Amino acid sequence: MRATVLVRPKQGILDPQGEAVESALGHLGFRVADARVGKVIDLEVDAADAAEAKAQVLRMCEQLLANPLMESYEVEIVG
Protein backbone atom coordinates (compact mmCIF):
# COMPACT_ATOMS: atom_id res chain seq x y z
CA MET A 1 0.00 0.00 0.00
CA ARG A 2 1.14 3.51 -0.78
CA ALA A 3 1.29 6.01 2.08
CA THR A 4 1.91 9.74 1.98
CA VAL A 5 2.84 11.61 5.14
CA LEU A 6 2.67 15.40 5.33
CA VAL A 7 4.70 16.83 8.22
CA ARG A 8 4.71 20.54 9.09
CA PRO A 9 5.51 22.73 12.10
CA LYS A 10 2.64 23.15 14.56
CA GLN A 11 1.00 26.56 14.80
CA GLY A 12 2.90 28.74 17.23
CA ILE A 13 6.23 26.98 16.57
CA LEU A 14 8.91 29.15 14.99
CA ASP A 15 9.29 28.33 11.27
CA PRO A 16 12.32 30.20 9.87
CA GLN A 17 11.97 28.53 6.45
CA GLY A 18 8.34 29.58 6.25
CA GLU A 19 9.26 33.14 7.20
CA ALA A 20 11.97 33.21 4.50
CA VAL A 21 9.51 31.93 1.87
CA GLU A 22 6.89 34.47 2.94
CA SER A 23 9.44 37.31 2.76
CA ALA A 24 10.81 36.22 -0.63
CA LEU A 25 7.33 35.92 -2.11
CA GLY A 26 6.55 39.42 -0.80
CA HIS A 27 9.63 40.78 -2.57
CA LEU A 28 8.39 39.14 -5.78
CA GLY A 29 5.05 40.93 -5.45
CA PHE A 30 2.95 38.08 -4.07
CA ARG A 31 0.79 38.85 -1.05
CA VAL A 32 0.85 35.84 1.26
CA ALA A 33 0.64 35.35 5.00
CA ASP A 34 1.55 32.58 7.42
CA ALA A 35 3.71 30.51 5.08
CA ARG A 36 4.69 27.16 6.62
CA VAL A 37 7.34 24.84 5.17
CA GLY A 38 7.05 21.13 5.80
CA LYS A 39 8.01 17.85 4.21
CA VAL A 40 6.27 15.09 2.27
CA ILE A 41 7.29 11.47 2.79
CA ASP A 42 6.07 8.78 0.37
CA LEU A 43 6.27 5.17 1.52
CA GLU A 44 5.36 1.75 0.18
CA VAL A 45 4.01 -0.15 3.20
CA ASP A 46 3.67 -3.93 3.40
CA ALA A 47 0.26 -4.36 5.05
CA ALA A 48 -2.81 -6.55 4.65
CA ASP A 49 -5.26 -3.64 4.46
CA ALA A 50 -5.52 0.15 4.70
CA ALA A 51 -6.22 0.14 8.44
CA GLU A 52 -3.08 -1.87 9.20
CA ALA A 53 -1.02 0.33 6.85
CA LYS A 54 -2.28 3.50 8.54
CA ALA A 55 -1.55 2.09 12.00
CA GLN A 56 2.01 1.23 10.93
CA VAL A 57 2.61 4.67 9.41
CA LEU A 58 1.20 6.44 12.49
CA ARG A 59 3.70 4.50 14.62
CA MET A 60 6.47 5.49 12.19
CA CYS A 61 5.47 9.14 12.58
CA GLU A 62 5.48 8.94 16.36
CA GLN A 63 8.85 7.16 16.50
CA LEU A 64 10.84 8.75 13.65
CA LEU A 65 9.17 10.73 10.88
CA ALA A 66 7.84 13.63 12.99
CA ASN A 67 8.60 15.32 16.27
CA PRO A 68 5.14 15.27 17.91
CA LEU A 69 6.10 18.11 20.26
CA MET A 70 6.85 20.52 17.40
CA GLU A 71 5.27 19.04 14.28
CA SER A 72 1.84 17.91 13.16
CA TYR A 73 1.38 15.19 10.56
CA GLU A 74 -1.28 13.82 8.26
CA VAL A 75 -1.32 10.32 6.79
CA GLU A 76 -3.01 9.31 3.57
CA ILE A 77 -3.20 5.67 2.46
CA VAL A 78 -3.82 4.83 -1.21
CA GLY A 79 -4.42 1.37 -2.58
PDB file of N, CA and C in Angstrom:
ATOM      1  N   MET A   1       0.837  -1.169   0.000  1.00  0.00           N
ATOM      2  CA  MET A   1       0.000   0.000   0.000  1.00  0.00           C
ATOM      3  C   MET A   1       0.887   1.240   0.000  1.00  0.00           C
ATOM      4  N   ARG A   2       0.420   2.240  -0.686  1.00  0.00           N
ATOM      5  CA  ARG A   2       1.143   3.506  -0.779  1.00  0.00           C
ATOM      6  C   ARG A   2       0.664   4.440   0.322  1.00  0.00           C
ATOM      7  N   ALA A   3       1.614   5.047   1.021  1.00  0.00           N
ATOM      8  CA  ALA A   3       1.289   6.006   2.080  1.00  0.00           C
ATOM      9  C   ALA A   3       2.005   7.316   1.806  1.00  0.00           C
ATOM     10  N   THR A   4       1.316   8.411   2.056  1.00  0.00           N
ATOM     11  CA  THR A   4       1.914   9.740   1.976  1.00  0.00           C
ATOM     12  C   THR A   4       1.739  10.400   3.328  1.00  0.00           C
ATOM     13  N   VAL A   5       2.839  10.928   3.847  1.00  0.00           N
ATOM     14  CA  VAL A   5       2.836  11.606   5.139  1.00  0.00           C
ATOM     15  C   VAL A   5       3.209  13.068   4.896  1.00  0.00           C
ATOM     16  N   LEU A   6       2.394  13.968   5.402  1.00  0.00           N
ATOM     17  CA  LEU A   6       2.669  15.396   5.331  1.00  0.00           C
ATOM     18  C   LEU A   6       3.008  15.864   6.742  1.00  0.00           C
ATOM     19  N   VAL A   7       4.225  16.371   6.922  1.00  0.00           N
ATOM     20  CA  VAL A   7       4.699  16.830   8.220  1.00  0.00           C
ATOM     21  C   VAL A   7       4.963  18.329   8.119  1.00  0.00           C
ATOM     22  N   ARG A   8       4.451  19.096   9.088  1.00  0.00           N
ATOM     23  CA  ARG A   8       4.711  20.538   9.093  1.00  0.00           C
ATOM     24  C   ARG A   8       4.786  21.031  10.534  1.00  0.00           C
ATOM     25  N   PRO A   9       5.431  22.188  10.742  1.00  0.00           N
ATOM     26  CA  PRO A   9       5.506  22.727  12.100  1.00  0.00           C
ATOM     27  C   PRO A   9       4.114  23.050  12.640  1.00  0.00           C
ATOM     28  N   LYS A  10       3.915  22.796  13.926  1.00  0.00           N
ATOM     29  CA  LYS A  10       2.641  23.152  14.556  1.00  0.00           C
ATOM     30  C   LYS A  10       2.501  24.670  14.596  1.00  0.00           C
ATOM     31  N   GLN A  11       1.252  25.134  14.644  1.00  0.00           N
ATOM     32  CA  GLN A  11       1.004  26.557  14.798  1.00  0.00           C
ATOM     33  C   GLN A  11       1.656  27.025  16.095  1.00  0.00           C
ATOM     34  N   GLY A  12       2.250  28.191  16.049  1.00  0.00           N
ATOM     35  CA  GLY A  12       2.898  28.742  17.233  1.00  0.00           C
ATOM     36  C   GLY A  12       4.355  28.351  17.370  1.00  0.00           C
ATOM     37  N   ILE A  13       4.822  27.389  16.561  1.00  0.00           N
ATOM     38  CA  ILE A  13       6.228  26.978  16.574  1.00  0.00           C
ATOM     39  C   ILE A  13       6.966  27.804  15.528  1.00  0.00           C
ATOM     40  N   LEU A  14       8.114  28.349  15.895  1.00  0.00           N
ATOM     41  CA  LEU A  14       8.914  29.149  14.989  1.00  0.00           C
ATOM     42  C   LEU A  14       9.246  28.350  13.722  1.00  0.00           C
ATOM     43  N   ASP A  15       9.020  28.978  12.557  1.00  0.00           N
ATOM     44  CA  ASP A  15       9.291  28.329  11.269  1.00  0.00           C
ATOM     45  C   ASP A  15      10.138  29.275  10.421  1.00  0.00           C
ATOM     46  N   PRO A  16      11.474  29.285  10.612  1.00  0.00           N
ATOM     47  CA  PRO A  16      12.323  30.201   9.868  1.00  0.00           C
ATOM     48  C   PRO A  16      12.241  30.008   8.350  1.00  0.00           C
ATOM     49  N   GLN A  17      12.095  28.764   7.898  1.00  0.00           N
ATOM     50  CA  GLN A  17      11.974  28.535   6.452  1.00  0.00           C
ATOM     51  C   GLN A  17      10.683  29.148   5.923  1.00  0.00           C
ATOM     52  N   GLY A  18       9.606  28.984   6.655  1.00  0.00           N
ATOM     53  CA  GLY A  18       8.337  29.582   6.254  1.00  0.00           C
ATOM     54  C   GLY A  18       8.422  31.094   6.202  1.00  0.00           C
ATOM     55  N   GLU A  19       9.093  31.699   7.188  1.00  0.00           N
ATOM     56  CA  GLU A  19       9.263  33.144   7.198  1.00  0.00           C
ATOM     57  C   GLU A  19      10.085  33.608   6.003  1.00  0.00           C
ATOM     58  N   ALA A  20      11.134  32.852   5.652  1.00  0.00           N
ATOM     59  CA  ALA A  20      11.965  33.208   4.499  1.00  0.00           C
ATOM     60  C   ALA A  20      11.164  33.118   3.208  1.00  0.00           C
ATOM     61  N   VAL A  21      10.347  32.077   3.067  1.00  0.00           N
ATOM     62  CA  VAL A  21       9.507  31.929   1.873  1.00  0.00           C
ATOM     63  C   VAL A  21       8.505  33.074   1.787  1.00  0.00           C
ATOM     64  N   GLU A  22       7.866  33.381   2.900  1.00  0.00           N
ATOM     65  CA  GLU A  22       6.887  34.470   2.935  1.00  0.00           C
ATOM     66  C   GLU A  22       7.533  35.799   2.535  1.00  0.00           C
ATOM     67  N   SER A  23       8.720  36.078   3.075  1.00  0.00           N
ATOM     68  CA  SER A  23       9.436  37.307   2.756  1.00  0.00           C
ATOM     69  C   SER A  23       9.837  37.361   1.283  1.00  0.00           C
ATOM     70  N   ALA A  24      10.382  36.261   0.775  1.00  0.00           N
ATOM     71  CA  ALA A  24      10.812  36.220  -0.634  1.00  0.00           C
ATOM     72  C   ALA A  24       9.629  36.400  -1.578  1.00  0.00           C
ATOM     73  N   LEU A  25       8.518  35.758  -1.263  1.00  0.00           N
ATOM     74  CA  LEU A  25       7.329  35.922  -2.107  1.00  0.00           C
ATOM     75  C   LEU A  25       6.837  37.364  -2.067  1.00  0.00           C
ATOM     76  N   GLY A  26       6.924  38.011  -0.905  1.00  0.00           N
ATOM     77  CA  GLY A  26       6.550  39.416  -0.795  1.00  0.00           C
ATOM     78  C   GLY A  26       7.416  40.294  -1.680  1.00  0.00           C
ATOM     79  N   HIS A  27       8.716  40.008  -1.716  1.00  0.00           N
ATOM     80  CA  HIS A  27       9.627  40.779  -2.575  1.00  0.00           C
ATOM     81  C   HIS A  27       9.330  40.564  -4.055  1.00  0.00           C
ATOM     82  N   LEU A  28       8.755  39.436  -4.381  1.00  0.00           N
ATOM     83  CA  LEU A  28       8.392  39.144  -5.777  1.00  0.00           C
ATOM     84  C   LEU A  28       7.013  39.695  -6.140  1.00  0.00           C
ATOM     85  N   GLY A  29       6.339  40.318  -5.181  1.00  0.00           N
ATOM     86  CA  GLY A  29       5.045  40.929  -5.455  1.00  0.00           C
ATOM     87  C   GLY A  29       3.836  40.078  -5.103  1.00  0.00           C
ATOM     88  N   PHE A  30       4.064  38.945  -4.466  1.00  0.00           N
ATOM     89  CA  PHE A  30       2.947  38.081  -4.068  1.00  0.00           C
ATOM     90  C   PHE A  30       2.555  38.423  -2.638  1.00  0.00           C
ATOM     91  N   ARG A  31       1.276  38.551  -2.399  1.00  0.00           N
ATOM     92  CA  ARG A  31       0.787  38.853  -1.053  1.00  0.00           C
ATOM     93  C   ARG A  31       0.351  37.546  -0.396  1.00  0.00           C
ATOM     94  N   VAL A  32       1.169  37.069   0.525  1.00  0.00           N
ATOM     95  CA  VAL A  32       0.853  35.838   1.259  1.00  0.00           C
ATOM     96  C   VAL A  32       1.060  36.090   2.747  1.00  0.00           C
ATOM     97  N   ALA A  33       0.454  35.257   3.555  1.00  0.00           N
ATOM     98  CA  ALA A  33       0.636  35.353   5.000  1.00  0.00           C
ATOM     99  C   ALA A  33       0.721  33.947   5.581  1.00  0.00           C
ATOM    100  N   ASP A  34       1.451  33.826   6.662  1.00  0.00           N
ATOM    101  CA  ASP A  34       1.548  32.585   7.423  1.00  0.00           C
ATOM    102  C   ASP A  34       2.030  31.401   6.591  1.00  0.00           C
ATOM    103  N   ALA A  35       3.119  31.603   5.847  1.00  0.00           N
ATOM    104  CA  ALA A  35       3.710  30.505   5.078  1.00  0.00           C
ATOM    105  C   ALA A  35       4.344  29.503   6.040  1.00  0.00           C
ATOM    106  N   ARG A  36       4.112  28.231   5.821  1.00  0.00           N
ATOM    107  CA  ARG A  36       4.689  27.158   6.620  1.00  0.00           C
ATOM    108  C   ARG A  36       5.388  26.199   5.662  1.00  0.00           C
ATOM    109  N   VAL A  37       6.585  25.780   6.004  1.00  0.00           N
ATOM    110  CA  VAL A  37       7.336  24.844   5.170  1.00  0.00           C
ATOM    111  C   VAL A  37       7.401  23.513   5.905  1.00  0.00           C
ATOM    112  N   GLY A  38       7.034  22.460   5.207  1.00  0.00           N
ATOM    113  CA  GLY A  38       7.050  21.126   5.797  1.00  0.00           C
ATOM    114  C   GLY A  38       7.750  20.143   4.881  1.00  0.00           C
ATOM    115  N   LYS A  39       7.410  18.884   5.051  1.00  0.00           N
ATOM    116  CA  LYS A  39       8.013  17.845   4.211  1.00  0.00           C
ATOM    117  C   LYS A  39       6.955  16.803   3.873  1.00  0.00           C
ATOM    118  N   VAL A  40       7.143  16.172   2.724  1.00  0.00           N
ATOM    119  CA  VAL A  40       6.267  15.093   2.273  1.00  0.00           C
ATOM    120  C   VAL A  40       7.111  13.832   2.215  1.00  0.00           C
ATOM    121  N   ILE A  41       6.590  12.760   2.784  1.00  0.00           N
ATOM    122  CA  ILE A  41       7.288  11.471   2.792  1.00  0.00           C
ATOM    123  C   ILE A  41       6.367  10.446   2.142  1.00  0.00           C
ATOM    124  N   ASP A  42       6.819   9.839   1.054  1.00  0.00           N
ATOM    125  CA  ASP A  42       6.072   8.783   0.368  1.00  0.00           C
ATOM    126  C   ASP A  42       6.682   7.440   0.738  1.00  0.00           C
ATOM    127  N   LEU A  43       5.823   6.495   1.094  1.00  0.00           N
ATOM    128  CA  LEU A  43       6.265   5.171   1.516  1.00  0.00           C
ATOM    129  C   LEU A  43       5.453   4.087   0.819  1.00  0.00           C
ATOM    130  N   GLU A  44       6.067   2.960   0.592  1.00  0.00           N
ATOM    131  CA  GLU A  44       5.362   1.753   0.179  1.00  0.00           C
ATOM    132  C   GLU A  44       5.347   0.848   1.405  1.00  0.00           C
ATOM    133  N   VAL A  45       4.152   0.567   1.930  1.00  0.00           N
ATOM    134  CA  VAL A  45       4.009  -0.155   3.196  1.00  0.00           C
ATOM    135  C   VAL A  45       3.478  -1.562   2.926  1.00  0.00           C
ATOM    136  N   ASP A  46       4.117  -2.548   3.519  1.00  0.00           N
ATOM    137  CA  ASP A  46       3.666  -3.928   3.400  1.00  0.00           C
ATOM    138  C   ASP A  46       2.617  -4.171   4.485  1.00  0.00           C
ATOM    139  N   ALA A  47       1.354  -4.177   4.088  1.00  0.00           N
ATOM    140  CA  ALA A  47       0.259  -4.357   5.048  1.00  0.00           C
ATOM    141  C   ALA A  47      -0.892  -5.084   4.369  1.00  0.00           C
ATOM    142  N   ALA A  48      -1.694  -5.776   5.175  1.00  0.00           N
ATOM    143  CA  ALA A  48      -2.813  -6.551   4.647  1.00  0.00           C
ATOM    144  C   ALA A  48      -3.966  -5.670   4.172  1.00  0.00           C
ATOM    145  N   ASP A  49      -4.161  -4.530   4.841  1.00  0.00           N
ATOM    146  CA  ASP A  49      -5.258  -3.638   4.461  1.00  0.00           C
ATOM    147  C   ASP A  49      -4.904  -2.200   4.840  1.00  0.00           C
ATOM    148  N   ALA A  50      -5.774  -1.272   4.468  1.00  0.00           N
ATOM    149  CA  ALA A  50      -5.516   0.150   4.696  1.00  0.00           C
ATOM    150  C   ALA A  50      -5.432   0.490   6.180  1.00  0.00           C
ATOM    151  N   ALA A  51      -6.244  -0.146   7.003  1.00  0.00           N
ATOM    152  CA  ALA A  51      -6.223   0.136   8.439  1.00  0.00           C
ATOM    153  C   ALA A  51      -4.883  -0.258   9.057  1.00  0.00           C
ATOM    154  N   GLU A  52      -4.377  -1.425   8.680  1.00  0.00           N
ATOM    155  CA  GLU A  52      -3.078  -1.865   9.197  1.00  0.00           C
ATOM    156  C   GLU A  52      -1.970  -0.943   8.698  1.00  0.00           C
ATOM    157  N   ALA A  53      -2.029  -0.572   7.421  1.00  0.00           N
ATOM    158  CA  ALA A  53      -1.023   0.328   6.852  1.00  0.00           C
ATOM    159  C   ALA A  53      -1.019   1.657   7.602  1.00  0.00           C
ATOM    160  N   LYS A  54      -2.201   2.214   7.841  1.00  0.00           N
ATOM    161  CA  LYS A  54      -2.277   3.504   8.541  1.00  0.00           C
ATOM    162  C   LYS A  54      -1.736   3.377   9.963  1.00  0.00           C
ATOM    163  N   ALA A  55      -2.052   2.299  10.642  1.00  0.00           N
ATOM    164  CA  ALA A  55      -1.547   2.088  12.000  1.00  0.00           C
ATOM    165  C   ALA A  55      -0.016   2.022  12.006  1.00  0.00           C
ATOM    166  N   GLN A  56       0.558   1.324  11.033  1.00  0.00           N
ATOM    167  CA  GLN A  56       2.012   1.234  10.934  1.00  0.00           C
ATOM    168  C   GLN A  56       2.629   2.608  10.697  1.00  0.00           C
ATOM    169  N   VAL A  57       2.048   3.356   9.759  1.00  0.00           N
ATOM    170  CA  VAL A  57       2.607   4.668   9.410  1.00  0.00           C
ATOM    171  C   VAL A  57       2.448   5.644  10.574  1.00  0.00           C
ATOM    172  N   LEU A  58       1.358   5.581  11.305  1.00  0.00           N
ATOM    173  CA  LEU A  58       1.202   6.439  12.487  1.00  0.00           C
ATOM    174  C   LEU A  58       2.288   6.147  13.522  1.00  0.00           C
ATOM    175  N   ARG A  59       2.605   4.859  13.705  1.00  0.00           N
ATOM    176  CA  ARG A  59       3.699   4.502  14.623  1.00  0.00           C
ATOM    177  C   ARG A  59       5.035   5.028  14.104  1.00  0.00           C
ATOM    178  N   MET A  60       5.246   4.958  12.782  1.00  0.00           N
ATOM    179  CA  MET A  60       6.473   5.494  12.189  1.00  0.00           C
ATOM    180  C   MET A  60       6.592   6.995  12.452  1.00  0.00           C
ATOM    181  N   CYS A  61       5.476   7.696  12.327  1.00  0.00           N
ATOM    182  CA  CYS A  61       5.475   9.144  12.575  1.00  0.00           C
ATOM    183  C   CYS A  61       5.839   9.445  14.023  1.00  0.00           C
ATOM    184  N   GLU A  62       5.244   8.709  14.939  1.00  0.00           N
ATOM    185  CA  GLU A  62       5.482   8.943  16.358  1.00  0.00           C
ATOM    186  C   GLU A  62       6.918   8.610  16.758  1.00  0.00           C
ATOM    187  N   GLN A  63       7.514   7.618  16.101  1.00  0.00           N
ATOM    188  CA  GLN A  63       8.847   7.160  16.496  1.00  0.00           C
ATOM    189  C   GLN A  63       9.987   7.811  15.718  1.00  0.00           C
ATOM    190  N   LEU A  64       9.725   8.269  14.467  1.00  0.00           N
ATOM    191  CA  LEU A  64      10.838   8.749  13.652  1.00  0.00           C
ATOM    192  C   LEU A  64      10.496   9.901  12.715  1.00  0.00           C
ATOM    193  N   LEU A  65       9.416   9.797  11.989  1.00  0.00           N
ATOM    194  CA  LEU A  65       9.175  10.728  10.883  1.00  0.00           C
ATOM    195  C   LEU A  65       8.802  12.137  11.312  1.00  0.00           C
ATOM    196  N   ALA A  66       8.246  12.311  12.509  1.00  0.00           N
ATOM    197  CA  ALA A  66       7.845  13.627  12.993  1.00  0.00           C
ATOM    198  C   ALA A  66       8.216  13.775  14.456  1.00  0.00           C
ATOM    199  N   ASN A  67       8.407  15.007  14.859  1.00  0.00           N
ATOM    200  CA  ASN A  67       8.602  15.320  16.270  1.00  0.00           C
ATOM    201  C   ASN A  67       7.253  15.787  16.801  1.00  0.00           C
ATOM    202  N   PRO A  68       6.509  14.934  17.504  1.00  0.00           N
ATOM    203  CA  PRO A  68       5.142  15.271  17.912  1.00  0.00           C
ATOM    204  C   PRO A  68       5.039  16.506  18.807  1.00  0.00           C
ATOM    205  N   LEU A  69       6.133  16.904  19.434  1.00  0.00           N
ATOM    206  CA  LEU A  69       6.105  18.113  20.256  1.00  0.00           C
ATOM    207  C   LEU A  69       6.078  19.382  19.403  1.00  0.00           C
ATOM    208  N   MET A  70       6.705  19.325  18.225  1.00  0.00           N
ATOM    209  CA  MET A  70       6.848  20.517  17.402  1.00  0.00           C
ATOM    210  C   MET A  70       6.147  20.431  16.046  1.00  0.00           C
ATOM    211  N   GLU A  71       5.802  19.231  15.626  1.00  0.00           N
ATOM    212  CA  GLU A  71       5.265  19.045  14.284  1.00  0.00           C
ATOM    213  C   GLU A  71       3.928  18.317  14.326  1.00  0.00           C
ATOM    214  N   SER A  72       3.073  18.662  13.372  1.00  0.00           N
ATOM    215  CA  SER A  72       1.841  17.905  13.158  1.00  0.00           C
ATOM    216  C   SER A  72       2.050  17.069  11.901  1.00  0.00           C
ATOM    217  N   TYR A  73       1.245  16.025  11.755  1.00  0.00           N
ATOM    218  CA  TYR A  73       1.379  15.194  10.565  1.00  0.00           C
ATOM    219  C   TYR A  73       0.017  14.657  10.153  1.00  0.00           C
ATOM    220  N   GLU A  74      -0.088  14.416   8.852  1.00  0.00           N
ATOM    221  CA  GLU A  74      -1.285  13.815   8.263  1.00  0.00           C
ATOM    222  C   GLU A  74      -0.851  12.613   7.466  1.00  0.00           C
ATOM    223  N   VAL A  75      -1.639  11.559   7.515  1.00  0.00           N
ATOM    224  CA  VAL A  75      -1.316  10.323   6.791  1.00  0.00           C
ATOM    225  C   VAL A  75      -2.439  10.017   5.818  1.00  0.00           C
ATOM    226  N   GLU A  76      -2.054   9.730   4.581  1.00  0.00           N
ATOM    227  CA  GLU A  76      -3.015   9.309   3.566  1.00  0.00           C
ATOM    228  C   GLU A  76      -2.573   7.959   3.015  1.00  0.00           C
ATOM    229  N   ILE A  77      -3.477   7.000   2.987  1.00  0.00           N
ATOM    230  CA  ILE A  77      -3.203   5.670   2.456  1.00  0.00           C
ATOM    231  C   ILE A  77      -3.947   5.524   1.130  1.00  0.00           C
ATOM    232  N   VAL A  78      -3.234   5.050   0.112  1.00  0.00           N
ATOM    233  CA  VAL A  78      -3.824   4.834  -1.207  1.00  0.00           C
ATOM    234  C   VAL A  78      -3.566   3.392  -1.609  1.00  0.00           C
ATOM    235  N   GLY A  79      -4.586   2.729  -2.088  1.00  0.00           N
ATOM    236  CA  GLY A  79      -4.415   1.371  -2.584  1.00  0.00           C
ATOM    237  C   GLY A  79      -4.947   0.302  -1.677  1.00  0.00           C
TER     238      GLY A  79
END
